[in-house]
C-alpha atoms as a PDB file:
ATOM      1  CA  MET A   1       7.097  -9.366  36.597  1.00  0.00           C
ATOM      2  CA  ARG A   2      10.669  -8.935  35.374  1.00  0.00           C
ATOM      3  CA  HIS A   3       9.473  -6.819  32.449  1.00  0.00           C
ATOM      4  CA  VAL A   4       7.508  -3.612  33.109  1.00  0.00           C
ATOM      5  CA  ALA A   5       6.062  -1.530  30.273  1.00  0.00           C
ATOM      6  CA  PHE A   6       4.604   1.957  30.059  1.00  0.00           C
ATOM      7  CA  ILE A   7       1.998   3.311  27.669  1.00  0.00           C
ATOM      8  CA  GLY A   8       2.799   7.003  27.916  1.00  0.00           C
ATOM      9  CA  PHE A   9       6.168   8.119  29.235  1.00  0.00           C
ATOM     10  CA  GLY A  10       5.551  11.478  30.856  1.00  0.00           C
ATOM     11  CA  GLU A  11       6.154  12.705  34.388  1.00  0.00           C
ATOM     12  CA  ALA A  12       4.400   9.895  36.263  1.00  0.00           C
ATOM     13  CA  ALA A  13       5.857   7.067  34.192  1.00  0.00           C
ATOM     14  CA  ARG A  14       9.367   8.497  34.425  1.00  0.00           C
ATOM     15  CA  ALA A  15       9.041   8.899  38.188  1.00  0.00           C
ATOM     16  CA  PHE A  16       7.896   5.292  38.534  1.00  0.00           C
ATOM     17  CA  ALA A  17      10.688   4.031  36.281  1.00  0.00           C
ATOM     18  CA  GLN A  18      13.352   5.910  38.196  1.00  0.00           C
ATOM     19  CA  SER A  19      12.549   4.437  41.597  1.00  0.00           C
ATOM     20  CA  LEU A  20      11.608   0.984  40.308  1.00  0.00           C
ATOM     21  CA  ARG A  21      15.177   0.789  38.999  1.00  0.00           C
ATOM     22  CA  GLU A  22      16.328   1.020  42.621  1.00  0.00           C
ATOM     23  CA  VAL A  23      14.137  -1.897  43.730  1.00  0.00           C
ATOM     24  CA  ALA A  24      14.637  -4.619  41.138  1.00  0.00           C
ATOM     25  CA  PRO A  25      16.644  -5.399  37.961  1.00  0.00           C
ATOM     26  CA  LEU A  26      13.711  -4.888  35.637  1.00  0.00           C
ATOM     27  CA  ARG A  27      13.559  -4.697  31.883  1.00  0.00           C
ATOM     28  CA  MET A  28      11.540  -1.616  30.976  1.00  0.00           C
ATOM     29  CA  THR A  29       9.937  -0.629  27.699  1.00  0.00           C
ATOM     30  CA  ALA A  30       7.760   2.356  26.853  1.00  0.00           C
ATOM     31  CA  TYR A  31       5.712   3.861  24.083  1.00  0.00           C
ATOM     32  CA  ASP A  32       4.766   7.530  23.927  1.00  0.00           C
ATOM     33  CA  ILE A  33       3.015   9.281  21.060  1.00  0.00           C
ATOM     34  CA  LEU A  34       5.705  11.979  21.167  1.00  0.00           C
ATOM     35  CA  ILE A  35       8.109   9.511  19.549  1.00  0.00           C
ATOM     36  CA  HIS A  36       6.477  10.427  16.237  1.00  0.00           C
ATOM     37  CA  GLY A  37       6.866  14.211  16.556  1.00  0.00           C
ATOM     38  CA  ASP A  38       9.269  17.092  17.099  1.00  0.00           C
ATOM     39  CA  LEU A  39       9.748  16.188  20.779  1.00  0.00           C
ATOM     40  CA  ALA A  40      11.134  12.743  20.033  1.00  0.00           C
ATOM     41  CA  GLY A  41      14.672  13.872  20.912  1.00  0.00           C
ATOM     42  CA  PRO A  42      13.951  14.927  24.512  1.00  0.00           C
ATOM     43  CA  LEU A  43      11.793  11.817  24.929  1.00  0.00           C
ATOM     44  CA  ARG A  44      14.658   9.587  23.815  1.00  0.00           C
ATOM     45  CA  ASP A  45      17.032  11.397  26.154  1.00  0.00           C
ATOM     46  CA  ALA A  46      14.696  10.877  29.121  1.00  0.00           C
ATOM     47  CA  ALA A  47      14.225   7.200  28.315  1.00  0.00           C
ATOM     48  CA  GLY A  48      17.939   6.663  27.778  1.00  0.00           C
ATOM     49  CA  ALA A  49      18.793   8.225  31.135  1.00  0.00           C
ATOM     50  CA  LEU A  50      16.514   5.670  32.812  1.00  0.00           C
ATOM     51  CA  ASP A  51      17.595   2.698  30.660  1.00  0.00           C
ATOM     52  CA  VAL A  52      14.088   2.379  29.240  1.00  0.00           C
ATOM     53  CA  THR A  53      13.700   1.077  25.693  1.00  0.00           C
ATOM     54  CA  LEU A  54      11.369   3.169  23.554  1.00  0.00           C
ATOM     55  CA  THR A  55       9.227   1.402  20.973  1.00  0.00           C
ATOM     56  CA  ARG A  56       7.335   2.579  17.911  1.00  0.00           C
ATOM     57  CA  SER A  57       3.947   1.308  19.133  1.00  0.00           C
ATOM     58  CA  ALA A  58       2.155   0.508  22.357  1.00  0.00           C
ATOM     59  CA  ALA A  59       1.638  -3.079  21.230  1.00  0.00           C
ATOM     60  CA  GLU A  60       5.385  -3.491  20.839  1.00  0.00           C
ATOM     61  CA  ALA A  61       6.054  -1.972  24.257  1.00  0.00           C
ATOM     62  CA  VAL A  62       3.763  -4.372  26.137  1.00  0.00           C
ATOM     63  CA  THR A  63       4.891  -7.539  24.328  1.00  0.00           C
ATOM     64  CA  GLY A  64       6.304  -9.887  26.949  1.00  0.00           C
ATOM     65  CA  ALA A  65       5.635  -7.556  29.873  1.00  0.00           C
ATOM     66  CA  GLY A  66       4.170  -8.873  33.108  1.00  0.00           C
ATOM     67  CA  MET A  67       2.900  -5.473  34.240  1.00  0.00           C
ATOM     68  CA  VAL A  68       1.910  -2.468  32.140  1.00  0.00           C
ATOM     69  CA  PHE A  69       1.163   1.058  33.339  1.00  0.00           C
ATOM     70  CA  SER A  70      -1.087   3.255  31.232  1.00  0.00           C
ATOM     71  CA  ALA A  71      -0.060   6.839  32.026  1.00  0.00           C
ATOM     72  CA  VAL A  72      -1.328   9.171  29.325  1.00  0.00           C
ATOM     73  CA  THR A  73      -3.448  12.327  29.318  1.00  0.00           C
ATOM     74  CA  ALA A  74      -7.030  12.031  30.493  1.00  0.00           C
ATOM     75  CA  GLY A  75      -8.362  12.660  27.005  1.00  0.00           C
ATOM     76  CA  SER A  76      -6.273   9.808  25.587  1.00  0.00           C
ATOM     77  CA  ALA A  77      -6.946   7.207  28.273  1.00  0.00           C
ATOM     78  CA  SER A  78      -9.227   5.077  26.101  1.00  0.00           C
ATOM     79  CA  ALA A  79      -7.627   5.670  22.708  1.00  0.00           C
ATOM     80  CA  ALA A  80      -4.196   4.713  24.054  1.00  0.00           C
ATOM     81  CA  LEU A  81      -5.433   1.187  24.731  1.00  0.00           C
ATOM     82  CA  ALA A  82      -7.159   0.680  21.382  1.00  0.00           C
ATOM     83  CA  GLY A  83      -4.125  -0.455  19.423  1.00  0.00           C
ATOM     84  CA  VAL A  84      -3.170  -3.033  22.036  1.00  0.00           C
ATOM     85  CA  TYR A  85      -6.326  -4.531  23.499  1.00  0.00           C
ATOM     86  CA  ASP A  86      -8.585  -4.824  20.465  1.00  0.00           C
ATOM     87  CA  ALA A  87      -7.059  -8.253  19.855  1.00  0.00           C
ATOM     88  CA  PRO A  88      -5.955 -11.067  22.190  1.00  0.00           C
ATOM     89  CA  VAL A  89      -2.771 -10.380  24.189  1.00  0.00           C
ATOM     90  CA  HIS A  90      -0.515 -12.513  26.358  1.00  0.00           C
ATOM     91  CA  PRO A  91      -1.611 -12.576  30.024  1.00  0.00           C
ATOM     92  CA  HIS A  92      -0.397  -9.595  32.035  1.00  0.00           C
ATOM     93  CA  VAL A  93      -1.698  -6.893  34.388  1.00  0.00           C
ATOM     94  CA  LEU A  94      -2.641  -3.458  33.069  1.00  0.00           C
ATOM     95  CA  CYS A  95      -2.544  -0.745  35.760  1.00  0.00           C
ATOM     96  CA  ASP A  96      -4.565   2.225  34.531  1.00  0.00           C
ATOM     97  CA  ILE A  97      -3.306   5.261  36.482  1.00  0.00           C
ATOM     98  CA  ASN A  98      -5.088   7.856  34.361  1.00  0.00           C
ATOM     99  CA  SER A  99      -7.325  10.443  36.017  1.00  0.00           C
ATOM    100  CA  VAL A 100     -10.627   9.688  34.312  1.00  0.00           C
ATOM    101  CA  THR A 101     -14.219   8.908  35.248  1.00  0.00           C
ATOM    102  CA  ALA A 102     -15.397   5.651  36.757  1.00  0.00           C
ATOM    103  CA  ALA A 103     -17.349   4.972  33.575  1.00  0.00           C
ATOM    104  CA  CYS A 104     -14.188   5.359  31.490  1.00  0.00           C
ATOM    105  CA  LYS A 105     -12.286   2.974  33.759  1.00  0.00           C
ATOM    106  CA  ALA A 106     -15.112   0.431  33.560  1.00  0.00           C
ATOM    107  CA  ALA A 107     -15.054   0.594  29.757  1.00  0.00           C
ATOM    108  CA  ASN A 108     -11.261   0.278  29.717  1.00  0.00           C
ATOM    109  CA  ALA A 109     -11.510  -2.736  32.016  1.00  0.00           C
ATOM    110  CA  ALA A 110     -13.981  -4.463  29.715  1.00  0.00           C
ATOM    111  CA  ARG A 111     -11.669  -3.935  26.739  1.00  0.00           C
ATOM    112  CA  VAL A 112      -8.547  -5.143  28.554  1.00  0.00           C
ATOM    113  CA  ARG A 113     -10.229  -8.194  30.079  1.00  0.00           C
ATOM    114  CA  ALA A 114     -11.764  -9.189  26.739  1.00  0.00           C
ATOM    115  CA  ALA A 115      -8.242  -9.229  25.279  1.00  0.00           C
ATOM    116  CA  GLY A 116      -7.049 -11.643  27.991  1.00  0.00           C
ATOM    117  CA  ALA A 117      -5.245  -9.315  30.439  1.00  0.00           C
ATOM    118  CA  ALA A 118      -6.094  -8.340  34.017  1.00  0.00           C
ATOM    119  CA  TYR A 119      -7.146  -4.778  34.757  1.00  0.00           C
ATOM    120  CA  VAL A 120      -6.353  -2.661  37.817  1.00  0.00           C
ATOM    121  CA  ASP A 121      -7.883   0.765  38.378  1.00  0.00           C
ATOM    122  CA  MET A 122      -4.974   2.570  40.086  1.00  0.00           C
ATOM    123  CA  ALA A 123      -5.576   6.084  41.423  1.00  0.00           C
ATOM    124  CA  VAL A 124      -2.451   8.054  42.332  1.00  0.00           C
ATOM    125  CA  MET A 125      -3.414  10.080  45.392  1.00  0.00           C
ATOM    126  CA  ALA A 126      -0.525  12.572  45.691  1.00  0.00           C
ATOM    127  CA  PRO A 127       2.154  14.203  43.502  1.00  0.00           C
ATOM    128  CA  VAL A 128       4.597  11.554  42.219  1.00  0.00           C
ATOM    129  CA  HIS A 129       7.598  13.487  43.535  1.00  0.00           C
ATOM    130  CA  PRO A 130       9.411  12.850  45.756  1.00  0.00           C
ATOM    131  CA  ALA A 131       8.012   9.367  46.565  1.00  0.00           C
ATOM    132  CA  ARG A 132       7.799   8.301  42.890  1.00  0.00           C
ATOM    133  CA  HIS A 133       6.390   4.736  42.638  1.00  0.00           C
ATOM    134  CA  ARG A 134       5.951   4.690  46.414  1.00  0.00           C
ATOM    135  CA  THR A 135       3.400   7.512  46.179  1.00  0.00           C
ATOM    136  CA  PRO A 136       0.163   6.321  47.858  1.00  0.00           C
ATOM    137  CA  VAL A 137      -2.274   4.746  45.411  1.00  0.00           C
ATOM    138  CA  LEU A 138      -5.748   3.242  45.610  1.00  0.00           C
ATOM    139  CA  LEU A 139      -6.555   0.029  43.756  1.00  0.00           C
ATOM    140  CA  ALA A 140      -9.713  -1.575  42.398  1.00  0.00           C
ATOM    141  CA  GLY A 141     -10.519  -4.295  39.879  1.00  0.00           C
ATOM    142  CA  ASP A 142      -8.322  -7.364  39.435  1.00  0.00           C
ATOM    143  CA  VAL A 143      -6.209  -6.539  42.471  1.00  0.00           C
ATOM    144  CA  ALA A 144      -5.385 -10.175  43.300  1.00  0.00           C
ATOM    145  CA  ALA A 145      -3.546 -10.523  39.989  1.00  0.00           C
ATOM    146  CA  ALA A 146      -1.334  -7.529  40.733  1.00  0.00           C
ATOM    147  CA  GLU A 147      -0.926  -7.550  44.500  1.00  0.00           C
ATOM    148  CA  PRO A 148       2.058  -9.953  44.825  1.00  0.00           C
ATOM    149  CA  ALA A 149       4.137  -7.971  42.321  1.00  0.00           C
ATOM    150  CA  LEU A 150       3.107  -4.618  43.750  1.00  0.00           C
ATOM    151  CA  ARG A 151       4.147  -5.724  47.223  1.00  0.00           C
ATOM    152  CA  ALA A 152       7.448  -7.115  45.932  1.00  0.00           C
ATOM    153  CA  LEU A 153       8.150  -3.820  44.172  1.00  0.00           C
ATOM    154  CA  ASP A 154       7.303  -1.842  47.334  1.00  0.00           C
ATOM    155  CA  PHE A 155       4.244   0.026  46.087  1.00  0.00           C
ATOM    156  CA  ARG A 156       2.224   1.734  48.832  1.00  0.00           C
ATOM    157  CA  PHE A 157      -1.435   0.948  48.245  1.00  0.00           C
ATOM    158  CA  ASP A 158      -4.879   0.508  49.735  1.00  0.00           C
ATOM    159  CA  ILE A 159      -7.804  -1.271  48.134  1.00  0.00           C
ATOM    160  CA  ALA A 160     -10.766   0.970  47.351  1.00  0.00           C
ATOM    161  CA  GLY A 161     -13.182  -1.727  46.210  1.00  0.00           C
ATOM    162  CA  PRO A 162     -13.740  -4.658  43.867  1.00  0.00           C
ATOM    163  CA  ASN A 163     -14.944  -2.835  40.778  1.00  0.00           C
ATOM    164  CA  PRO A 164     -13.009  -0.816  38.187  1.00  0.00           C
ATOM    165  CA  GLY A 165     -13.959   2.771  38.942  1.00  0.00           C
ATOM    166  CA  ASP A 166     -14.003   2.392  42.722  1.00  0.00           C
ATOM    167  CA  ALA A 167     -10.496   3.857  43.025  1.00  0.00           C
ATOM    168  CA  THR A 168     -10.815   6.626  40.452  1.00  0.00           C
ATOM    169  CA  ALA A 169     -14.098   7.775  42.037  1.00  0.00           C
ATOM    170  CA  VAL A 170     -12.127   8.752  45.134  1.00  0.00           C
ATOM    171  CA  LYS A 171      -9.550  10.553  42.990  1.00  0.00           C
ATOM    172  CA  MET A 172     -12.167  12.433  40.965  1.00  0.00           C
ATOM    173  CA  VAL A 173     -14.127  13.752  43.936  1.00  0.00           C
ATOM    174  CA  ARG A 174     -10.954  14.696  45.803  1.00  0.00           C
ATOM    175  CA  SER A 175      -9.640  16.488  42.707  1.00  0.00           C
ATOM    176  CA  LEU A 176     -12.589  18.875  42.726  1.00  0.00           C
ATOM    177  CA  PHE A 177     -11.366  20.146  46.091  1.00  0.00           C
ATOM    178  CA  VAL A 178      -7.613  20.091  45.395  1.00  0.00           C
ATOM    179  CA  LYS A 179      -7.662  21.612  41.917  1.00  0.00           C
ATOM    180  CA  GLY A 180     -10.594  23.816  42.847  1.00  0.00           C
ATOM    181  CA  LEU A 181      -8.670  25.261  45.780  1.00  0.00           C
ATOM    182  CA  GLU A 182      -5.796  26.045  43.427  1.00  0.00           C
ATOM    183  CA  ALA A 183      -8.078  27.824  40.965  1.00  0.00           C
ATOM    184  CA  LEU A 184      -9.944  29.624  43.755  1.00  0.00           C
ATOM    185  CA  THR A 185      -6.688  30.907  45.225  1.00  0.00           C
ATOM    186  CA  VAL A 186      -5.420  32.103  41.852  1.00  0.00           C
ATOM    187  CA  GLN A 187      -8.691  33.780  40.871  1.00  0.00           C
ATOM    188  CA  THR A 188      -9.242  35.399  44.287  1.00  0.00           C
ATOM    189  CA  LEU A 189      -5.792  36.942  44.503  1.00  0.00           C
ATOM    190  CA  THR A 190      -5.827  38.038  40.865  1.00  0.00           C
ATOM    191  CA  ALA A 191      -9.145  39.816  41.425  1.00  0.00           C
ATOM    192  CA  ALA A 192      -7.810  41.300  44.669  1.00  0.00           C
ATOM    193  CA  GLU A 193      -4.834  42.829  42.875  1.00  0.00           C
ATOM    194  CA  ALA A 194      -7.056  44.118  40.084  1.00  0.00           C
ATOM    195  CA  SER A 195      -9.292  45.847  42.636  1.00  0.00           C
ATOM    196  CA  GLY A 196      -6.370  47.277  44.574  1.00  0.00           C
ATOM    197  CA  CYS A 197      -6.975  45.340  47.771  1.00  0.00           C
ATOM    198  CA  GLY A 198      -4.437  42.552  47.423  1.00  0.00           C
ATOM    199  CA  GLU A 199      -2.593  43.309  50.651  1.00  0.00           C
ATOM    200  CA  ARG A 200      -5.801  43.488  52.671  1.00  0.00           C
ATOM    201  CA  ILE A 201      -7.180  40.270  51.183  1.00  0.00           C
ATOM    202  CA  LEU A 202      -4.037  38.311  51.987  1.00  0.00           C
ATOM    203  CA  ALA A 203      -3.934  39.707  55.516  1.00  0.00           C
ATOM    204  CA  SER A 204      -7.604  38.958  56.115  1.00  0.00           C
ATOM    205  CA  LEU A 205      -7.400  35.403  54.795  1.00  0.00           C
ATOM    206  CA  HIS A 206      -4.243  34.727  56.765  1.00  0.00           C
ATOM    207  CA  LYS A 207      -6.002  35.875  59.930  1.00  0.00           C
ATOM    208  CA  SER A 208      -9.037  33.690  59.221  1.00  0.00           C
ATOM    209  CA  TYR A 209      -7.025  30.623  58.169  1.00  0.00           C
ATOM    210  CA  PRO A 210      -3.656  30.840  59.966  1.00  0.00           C
ATOM    211  CA  GLY A 211      -2.975  27.144  59.472  1.00  0.00           C
ATOM    212  CA  LEU A 212      -2.645  27.633  55.720  1.00  0.00           C
ATOM    213  CA  ASN A 213       0.474  29.817  56.050  1.00  0.00           C
ATOM    214  CA  LEU A 214      -1.244  31.663  53.255  1.00  0.00           C
ATOM    215  CA  PRO A 215       1.423  33.770  51.561  1.00  0.00           C
ATOM    216  CA  ALA A 216       3.683  30.742  50.963  1.00  0.00           C
ATOM    217  CA  PHE A 217       0.722  28.458  50.288  1.00  0.00           C
ATOM    218  CA  ALA A 218      -0.688  30.873  47.729  1.00  0.00           C
ATOM    219  CA  ALA A 219       2.627  31.105  45.879  1.00  0.00           C
ATOM    220  CA  TYR A 220       2.718  27.302  45.777  1.00  0.00           C
ATOM    221  CA  GLN A 221      -0.810  27.219  44.334  1.00  0.00           C
ATOM    222  CA  PHE A 222       0.250  29.570  41.542  1.00  0.00           C
ATOM    223  CA  ASP A 223       3.233  27.323  40.829  1.00  0.00           C
ATOM    224  CA  ARG A 224       1.023  24.224  40.551  1.00  0.00           C
ATOM    225  CA  VAL A 225      -1.384  25.928  38.164  1.00  0.00           C
ATOM    226  CA  VAL A 226       1.271  27.501  35.934  1.00  0.00           C
ATOM    227  CA  THR A 227       3.370  24.347  35.789  1.00  0.00           C
ATOM    228  CA  HIS A 228       0.685  21.662  35.617  1.00  0.00           C
ATOM    229  CA  GLY A 229      -2.526  23.504  34.742  1.00  0.00           C
ATOM    230  CA  ARG A 230      -2.935  22.036  31.274  1.00  0.00           C
ATOM    231  CA  ARG A 231      -2.944  18.463  32.579  1.00  0.00           C
ATOM    232  CA  ARG A 232      -4.990  19.490  35.615  1.00  0.00           C
ATOM    233  CA  ALA A 233      -7.623  21.075  33.374  1.00  0.00           C
ATOM    234  CA  GLU A 234      -8.052  17.786  31.508  1.00  0.00           C
ATOM    235  CA  GLU A 235      -8.422  15.971  34.808  1.00  0.00           C
ATOM    236  CA  VAL A 236     -10.996  18.426  36.154  1.00  0.00           C
ATOM    237  CA  ARG A 237     -13.056  18.100  32.980  1.00  0.00           C
ATOM    238  CA  GLU A 238     -13.202  14.402  33.848  1.00  0.00           C
ATOM    239  CA  VAL A 239     -14.338  15.491  37.316  1.00  0.00           C
ATOM    240  CA  ALA A 240     -17.092  17.517  35.644  1.00  0.00           C
ATOM    241  CA  GLN A 241     -18.259  14.441  33.768  1.00  0.00           C
ATOM    242  CA  THR A 242     -18.157  12.449  37.003  1.00  0.00           C
ATOM    243  CA  LEU A 243     -20.464  15.022  38.590  1.00  0.00           C
ATOM    244  CA  ARG A 244     -22.819  14.917  35.596  1.00  0.00           C
ATOM    245  CA  ASP A 245     -22.937  11.144  35.864  1.00  0.00           C
ATOM    246  CA  LEU A 246     -23.932  11.562  39.521  1.00  0.00           C
ATOM    247  CA  GLY A 247     -26.614  14.116  38.666  1.00  0.00           C
ATOM    248  CA  PHE A 248     -24.780  17.174  40.074  1.00  0.00           C
ATOM    249  CA  HIS A 249     -25.082  19.517  37.099  1.00  0.00           C
ATOM    250  CA  ASP A 250     -24.291  22.719  38.995  1.00  0.00           C
ATOM    251  CA  GLY A 251     -21.244  20.935  40.430  1.00  0.00           C
ATOM    252  CA  ALA A 252     -20.234  19.986  36.903  1.00  0.00           C
ATOM    253  CA  ALA A 253     -20.431  23.650  35.870  1.00  0.00           C
ATOM    254  CA  LEU A 254     -18.231  24.518  38.851  1.00  0.00           C
ATOM    255  CA  ALA A 255     -15.678  21.929  37.776  1.00  0.00           C
ATOM    256  CA  GLU A 256     -15.684  23.256  34.207  1.00  0.00           C
ATOM    257  CA  ALA A 257     -14.980  26.760  35.545  1.00  0.00           C
ATOM    258  CA  VAL A 258     -12.087  25.394  37.614  1.00  0.00           C
ATOM    259  CA  ALA A 259     -10.732  23.717  34.483  1.00  0.00           C
ATOM    260  CA  ASP A 260     -11.031  26.965  32.520  1.00  0.00           C
ATOM    261  CA  VAL A 261      -8.962  28.855  35.106  1.00  0.00           C
ATOM    262  CA  GLN A 262      -6.332  26.120  35.219  1.00  0.00           C
ATOM    263  CA  ALA A 263      -6.068  25.970  31.426  1.00  0.00           C
ATOM    264  CA  ALA A 264      -5.972  29.744  30.887  1.00  0.00           C
ATOM    265  CA  VAL A 265      -3.186  30.365  33.394  1.00  0.00           C
ATOM    266  CA  ALA A 266      -1.144  27.392  32.194  1.00  0.00           C
ATOM    267  CA  ALA A 267      -1.424  28.535  28.576  1.00  0.00           C
ATOM    268  CA  ALA A 268      -0.244  32.063  29.440  1.00  0.00           C
ATOM    269  CA  ARG A 269       2.604  30.807  31.686  1.00  0.00           C
ATOM    270  CA  PRO A 270       2.853  34.044  33.734  1.00  0.00           C
ATOM    271  CA  ALA A 271       6.058  34.627  35.667  1.00  0.00           C
ATOM    272  CA  LEU A 272       6.273  32.936  39.059  1.00  0.00           C
ATOM    273  CA  ASP A 273       7.470  34.718  42.174  1.00  0.00           C
ATOM    274  CA  PRO A 274       7.760  33.916  45.897  1.00  0.00           C
ATOM    275  CA  ASP A 275       5.361  36.836  46.431  1.00  0.00           C
ATOM    276  CA  PRO A 276       1.846  35.613  45.509  1.00  0.00           C
ATOM    277  CA  ARG A 277       0.728  39.178  44.836  1.00  0.00           C
ATOM    278  CA  ALA A 278       3.347  39.430  42.091  1.00  0.00           C
ATOM    279  CA  CYS A 279       2.085  36.107  40.712  1.00  0.00           C
ATOM    280  CA  ALA A 280      -1.452  37.447  40.746  1.00  0.00           C
ATOM    281  CA  ARG A 281      -0.495  40.583  38.831  1.00  0.00           C
ATOM    282  CA  ALA A 282       1.335  38.486  36.243  1.00  0.00           C
ATOM    283  CA  ALA A 283      -1.675  36.196  35.815  1.00  0.00           C
ATOM    284  CA  ALA A 284      -4.175  38.997  35.319  1.00  0.00           C
ATOM    285  CA  SER A 285      -4.004  39.051  31.525  1.00  0.00           C
ATOM    286  CA  ALA A 286      -4.633  35.299  31.344  1.00  0.00           C
ATOM    287  CA  LEU A 287      -7.818  35.516  33.395  1.00  0.00           C
ATOM    288  CA  ARG A 288      -9.026  38.864  32.016  1.00  0.00           C
ATOM    289  CA  PRO A 289      -8.049  38.924  28.343  1.00  0.00           C
ATOM    290  CA  PRO A 290      -8.767  42.111  26.373  1.00  0.00           C
ATOM    291  CA  ILE A 291     -12.156  42.303  24.676  1.00  0.00           C
ATOM    292  CA  SER A 292     -11.839  41.623  20.958  1.00  0.00           C
ATOM    293  CA  GLY A 293     -11.974  44.840  18.987  1.00  0.00           C
ATOM    294  CA  ALA A 294     -11.558  47.075  22.029  1.00  0.00           C
ATOM    295  CA  ALA A 295      -9.515  50.232  21.589  1.00  0.00           C
END
C-alpha cells in the first residue's frame, strides 16, 4: 500500500491526503473532474501543496495503487467508477466513502469485484476536520483485504457488517437526524424572525433544551448549511431514496424537504453572523422567495 489514489479530490480526499502524509511516505495520485474545467487552477494548487499528482483520468490515477478512495458527490458515486472498473484492473482495494444508498454501494461493489478489485463500503461518521483520515469510519464488504493497511495507516474504524451497504445504512439513517436538525433549526428560526418572535423562540427553546447551548449551536447550524448545504442536500436525497427502499414514503418526503432547505440556503449563501437571529433574517429570502409576477 505504498501508492494511494483518490477518485475525486475535494474536501474529504484532501483531508485524508494531508494527514496520511504524516504517517507514511506514500505516493499519491488523484483524478477530479474539475481538472477539465475553469477550476483546474485551484485544484492543481491544492494537489501541489499536498504533493499529490493529478492525472487526466480516473483509470490513470488508480494504475499501480494498492488502495483507492472514491470521494465524489453522491450523484456521481456510480458514474465515477465506470471508466475504471468496466474492464479488468490490477488487484487493489477500493474504499467507497461516498454518502449513497445501500443499493448503490451494493451495485458499486459488484462492478468493482467483477473487475478484479476488492470493495470496502466506508462510511465517514463525523466531519473530516480536524481528525482528517483518523475520523471515525464504519466498514463493510471486503474488510479483510483492507484491514492490515488501514491499521498500519492509523485509520480509526469499526466493522458494521459483512455486506456492502451495511456501513452506509448507518450513515444514511443518522444523516436524516443530523442534516434534518440543521434544516429544522434554520427553518424554525427564520420563521420566528419573520413572525416577529425570534427572541422569544430562542429563549423558550434554550429553556427547554439547555444542554444544546442553543444560541451558539444555532449559529453553528446556519454555518453548516450555508457552507456545506449543496453537498448535504445531495446526501439527504440519498437518504430519501434509502427511506423509499425501506417503505417509509412519508419519511422520504421529509428527507426531500430537508434537502430542499439545505440546497436553497446554500445556493443563496446568506451572510453568517455569531447571532443566529441575524443569520435567520439573512436567510429569509432563500426560504421565502418572492412570488413570480408579484408587485
